[in-house]
Amino acid sequence: MGRSNFLFSLVFVLMVLMASDMSLVAEARTCLSQSQRFKGPCVSETNCASVCHTEGFHGGDCRGLRRRCFCTKHC
């Protein structure tokens, strides 16, 4: 019983390490900048992204406790 638990744990850890290694290769750096044109609290991710597109960014997200619109682009 102890040997099978060890083997299962070892296989699980190896799978997690392999999965995390693959995700690092696929990720690109993303730069954030607070939107200059978005007014008020950021409630809708879609509205934030639309305003960010007009500012020349790739997208936008509502972030933080104060729900501000942050624009994103690939660095």
N, C-alpha and C. Protein backbone atom coordinates (compact mmCIF):
# COMPACT_ATOMS: atom_id res chain seq x y z
N MET A 1 0.83 -1.19 0.00
CA MET A 1 0.00 0.00 0.00
C MET A 1 0.86 1.25 0.00
N GLY A 2 1.92 1.27 0.80
CA GLY A 2 2.79 2.43 0.89
C GLY A 2 3.53 2.69 -0.41
N ARG A 3 3.95 1.60 -1.08
CA ARG A 3 4.69 1.74 -2.33
C ARG A 3 3.79 2.29 -3.44
N SER A 4 2.54 1.85 -3.49
CA SER A 4 1.64 2.34 -4.54
C SER A 4 1.29 3.81 -4.32
N ASN A 5 1.16 4.25 -3.07
CA ASN A 5 0.92 5.66 -2.79
C ASN A 5 2.10 6.51 -3.22
N PHE A 6 3.31 6.02 -2.96
CA PHE A 6 4.51 6.74 -3.37
C PHE A 6 4.59 6.85 -4.89
N LEU A 7 4.31 5.76 -5.58
CA LEU A 7 4.36 5.77 -7.04
C LEU A 7 3.32 6.71 -7.62
N PHE A 8 2.12 6.68 -7.07
CA PHE A 8 1.07 7.59 -7.53
C PHE A 8 1.47 9.05 -7.30
N SER A 9 2.03 9.34 -6.14
CA SER A 9 2.47 10.71 -5.83
C SER A 9 3.56 11.16 -6.78
N LEU A 10 4.50 10.27 -7.07
CA LEU A 10 5.60 10.59 -7.97
C LEU A 10 5.09 10.90 -9.38
N VAL A 11 4.18 10.08 -9.87
CA VAL A 11 3.62 10.30 -11.21
C VAL A 11 2.83 11.60 -11.24
N PHE A 12 2.08 11.88 -10.19
CA PHE A 12 1.29 13.11 -10.12
C PHE A 12 2.20 14.34 -10.14
N VAL A 13 3.26 14.33 -9.36
CA VAL A 13 4.19 15.47 -9.32
C VAL A 13 4.86 15.66 -10.67
N LEU A 14 5.25 14.58 -11.32
CA LEU A 14 5.86 14.69 -12.65
C LEU A 14 4.89 15.28 -13.67
N MET A 15 3.63 14.89 -13.61
CA MET A 15 2.64 15.45 -14.53
C MET A 15 2.43 16.94 -14.29
N VAL A 16 2.39 17.35 -13.03
CA VAL A 16 2.22 18.77 -12.70
C VAL A 16 3.42 19.56 -13.20
N LEU A 17 4.62 19.04 -13.00
CA LEU A 17 5.82 19.74 -13.47
C LEU A 17 5.84 19.86 -14.99
N MET A 18 5.45 18.82 -15.68
CA MET A 18 5.42 18.87 -17.14
C MET A 18 4.38 19.87 -17.63
N ALA A 19 3.22 19.90 -17.00
CA ALA A 19 2.16 20.83 -17.41
C ALA A 19 2.56 22.27 -17.14
N SER A 20 3.20 22.54 -16.02
CA SER A 20 3.61 23.91 -15.72
C SER A 20 4.73 24.36 -16.64
N ASP A 21 5.59 23.44 -17.05
CA ASP A 21 6.67 23.78 -17.96
C ASP A 21 6.12 24.15 -19.33
N MET A 22 5.10 23.46 -19.80
CA MET A 22 4.50 23.75 -21.10
C MET A 22 3.79 25.09 -21.09
N SER A 23 3.18 25.46 -19.99
CA SER A 23 2.46 26.73 -19.95
C SER A 23 3.42 27.90 -19.96
N LEU A 24 4.61 27.74 -19.42
CA LEU A 24 5.58 28.83 -19.43
C LEU A 24 6.06 29.13 -20.85
N VAL A 25 6.15 28.13 -21.67
CA VAL A 25 6.61 28.33 -23.04
C VAL A 25 5.56 29.08 -23.84
N ALA A 26 4.29 28.81 -23.60
CA ALA A 26 3.22 29.40 -24.39
C ALA A 26 2.87 30.82 -23.98
N GLU A 27 3.21 31.23 -22.76
CA GLU A 27 2.82 32.55 -22.28
C GLU A 27 3.71 33.64 -22.85
N ALA A 28 3.10 34.75 -23.19
CA ALA A 28 3.83 35.94 -23.62
C ALA A 28 3.68 37.00 -22.54
N ARG A 29 4.61 37.94 -22.50
CA ARG A 29 4.51 39.02 -21.52
C ARG A 29 3.36 39.93 -21.88
N THR A 30 2.61 40.33 -20.88
CA THR A 30 1.49 41.24 -21.07
C THR A 30 1.72 42.48 -20.24
N CYS A 31 1.66 43.64 -20.89
CA CYS A 31 1.84 44.92 -20.20
C CYS A 31 0.47 45.50 -19.85
N LEU A 32 0.39 46.13 -18.68
CA LEU A 32 -0.85 46.76 -18.21
C LEU A 32 -0.68 48.26 -18.13
N SER A 33 -1.74 48.98 -18.44
CA SER A 33 -1.76 50.43 -18.30
C SER A 33 -3.19 50.84 -17.97
N GLN A 34 -3.35 51.68 -16.96
CA GLN A 34 -4.70 52.12 -16.61
C GLN A 34 -5.26 52.97 -17.74
N SER A 35 -6.51 52.72 -18.08
CA SER A 35 -7.17 53.44 -19.17
C SER A 35 -7.27 54.93 -18.83
N GLN A 36 -6.98 55.76 -19.83
CA GLN A 36 -7.08 57.21 -19.66
C GLN A 36 -8.47 57.73 -20.00
N ARG A 37 -9.24 56.97 -20.77
CA ARG A 37 -10.55 57.44 -21.23
C ARG A 37 -11.73 56.81 -20.51
N PHE A 38 -11.53 55.70 -19.80
CA PHE A 38 -12.63 55.02 -19.12
C PHE A 38 -13.01 55.81 -17.88
N LYS A 39 -14.29 56.12 -17.74
CA LYS A 39 -14.78 56.91 -16.61
C LYS A 39 -15.67 56.06 -15.72
N GLY A 40 -15.57 56.26 -14.41
CA GLY A 40 -16.42 55.56 -13.45
C GLY A 40 -15.88 54.19 -13.08
N PRO A 41 -16.62 53.49 -12.21
CA PRO A 41 -16.18 52.15 -11.82
C PRO A 41 -16.32 51.17 -12.98
N CYS A 42 -15.40 50.26 -13.07
CA CYS A 42 -15.39 49.27 -14.15
C CYS A 42 -16.27 48.10 -13.74
N VAL A 43 -17.44 48.00 -14.36
CA VAL A 43 -18.38 46.94 -14.05
C VAL A 43 -18.41 45.90 -15.17
N SER A 44 -18.21 46.34 -16.40
CA SER A 44 -18.30 45.46 -17.56
C SER A 44 -16.93 45.29 -18.22
N GLU A 45 -16.47 44.04 -18.29
CA GLU A 45 -15.20 43.74 -18.96
C GLU A 45 -15.29 44.11 -20.45
N THR A 46 -16.46 43.94 -21.04
CA THR A 46 -16.64 44.23 -22.46
C THR A 46 -16.48 45.73 -22.73
N ASN A 47 -17.09 46.57 -21.90
CA ASN A 47 -16.95 48.01 -22.07
C ASN A 47 -15.51 48.45 -21.88
N CYS A 48 -14.85 47.89 -20.88
CA CYS A 48 -13.45 48.22 -20.63
C CYS A 48 -12.60 47.86 -21.85
N ALA A 49 -12.80 46.66 -22.40
CA ALA A 49 -12.03 46.23 -23.56
C ALA A 49 -12.30 47.12 -24.77
N SER A 50 -13.55 47.56 -24.95
CA SER A 50 -13.90 48.43 -26.08
C SER A 50 -13.19 49.78 -25.98
N VAL A 51 -13.18 50.36 -24.78
CA VAL A 51 -12.49 51.64 -24.59
C VAL A 51 -11.00 51.46 -24.82
N CYS A 52 -10.44 50.36 -24.34
CA CYS A 52 -9.01 50.10 -24.53
C CYS A 52 -8.65 49.94 -26.00
N HIS A 53 -9.55 49.33 -26.78
CA HIS A 53 -9.31 49.20 -28.22
C HIS A 53 -9.21 50.57 -28.87
N THR A 54 -10.03 51.53 -28.43
CA THR A 54 -9.96 52.88 -29.00
C THR A 54 -8.66 53.58 -28.61
N GLU A 55 -8.03 53.13 -27.51
CA GLU A 55 -6.76 53.71 -27.08
C GLU A 55 -5.56 52.99 -27.72
N GLY A 56 -5.82 51.98 -28.56
CA GLY A 56 -4.74 51.30 -29.26
C GLY A 56 -4.21 50.06 -28.56
N PHE A 57 -4.94 49.55 -27.58
CA PHE A 57 -4.52 48.35 -26.86
C PHE A 57 -5.24 47.13 -27.42
N HIS A 58 -4.77 45.94 -27.03
CA HIS A 58 -5.36 44.69 -27.50
C HIS A 58 -6.62 44.30 -26.73
N GLY A 59 -6.73 44.72 -25.47
CA GLY A 59 -7.87 44.35 -24.65
C GLY A 59 -7.87 45.11 -23.35
N GLY A 60 -8.77 44.74 -22.44
CA GLY A 60 -8.85 45.40 -21.15
C GLY A 60 -9.55 44.54 -20.13
N ASP A 61 -9.21 44.76 -18.85
CA ASP A 61 -9.78 44.01 -17.74
C ASP A 61 -10.10 44.95 -16.59
N CYS A 62 -11.17 44.63 -15.85
CA CYS A 62 -11.49 45.35 -14.61
C CYS A 62 -10.66 44.72 -13.50
N ARG A 63 -9.93 45.55 -12.75
CA ARG A 63 -9.05 45.01 -11.72
C ARG A 63 -9.12 45.82 -10.44
N GLY A 64 -8.73 45.17 -9.36
CA GLY A 64 -8.58 45.83 -8.07
C GLY A 64 -9.89 46.00 -7.31
N LEU A 65 -9.75 46.42 -6.05
CA LEU A 65 -10.92 46.65 -5.20
C LEU A 65 -11.74 47.83 -5.69
N ARG A 66 -11.08 48.81 -6.27
CA ARG A 66 -11.78 50.01 -6.75
C ARG A 66 -12.30 49.83 -8.17
N ARG A 67 -12.12 48.64 -8.74
CA ARG A 67 -12.63 48.28 -10.07
C ARG A 67 -12.27 49.32 -11.12
N ARG A 68 -10.99 49.39 -11.42
CA ARG A 68 -10.49 50.29 -12.46
C ARG A 68 -10.28 49.50 -13.74
N CYS A 69 -10.37 50.19 -14.86
CA CYS A 69 -10.16 49.57 -16.17
C CYS A 69 -8.68 49.64 -16.52
N PHE A 70 -8.06 48.47 -16.70
CA PHE A 70 -6.67 48.40 -17.11
C PHE A 70 -6.59 47.81 -18.51
N CYS A 71 -5.88 48.50 -19.39
CA CYS A 71 -5.71 48.05 -20.76
C CYS A 71 -4.51 47.12 -20.84
N THR A 72 -4.58 46.15 -21.76
CA THR A 72 -3.52 45.16 -21.91
C THR A 72 -3.01 45.16 -23.34
N LYS A 73 -1.71 44.85 -23.47
CA LYS A 73 -1.10 44.63 -24.78
C LYS A 73 0.11 43.75 -24.60
N HIS A 74 0.52 43.11 -25.67
CA HIS A 74 1.70 42.25 -25.63
C HIS A 74 2.94 43.13 -25.68
N CYS A 75 3.88 42.87 -24.78
CA CYS A 75 5.12 43.66 -24.73
C CYS A 75 6.14 43.15 -25.73
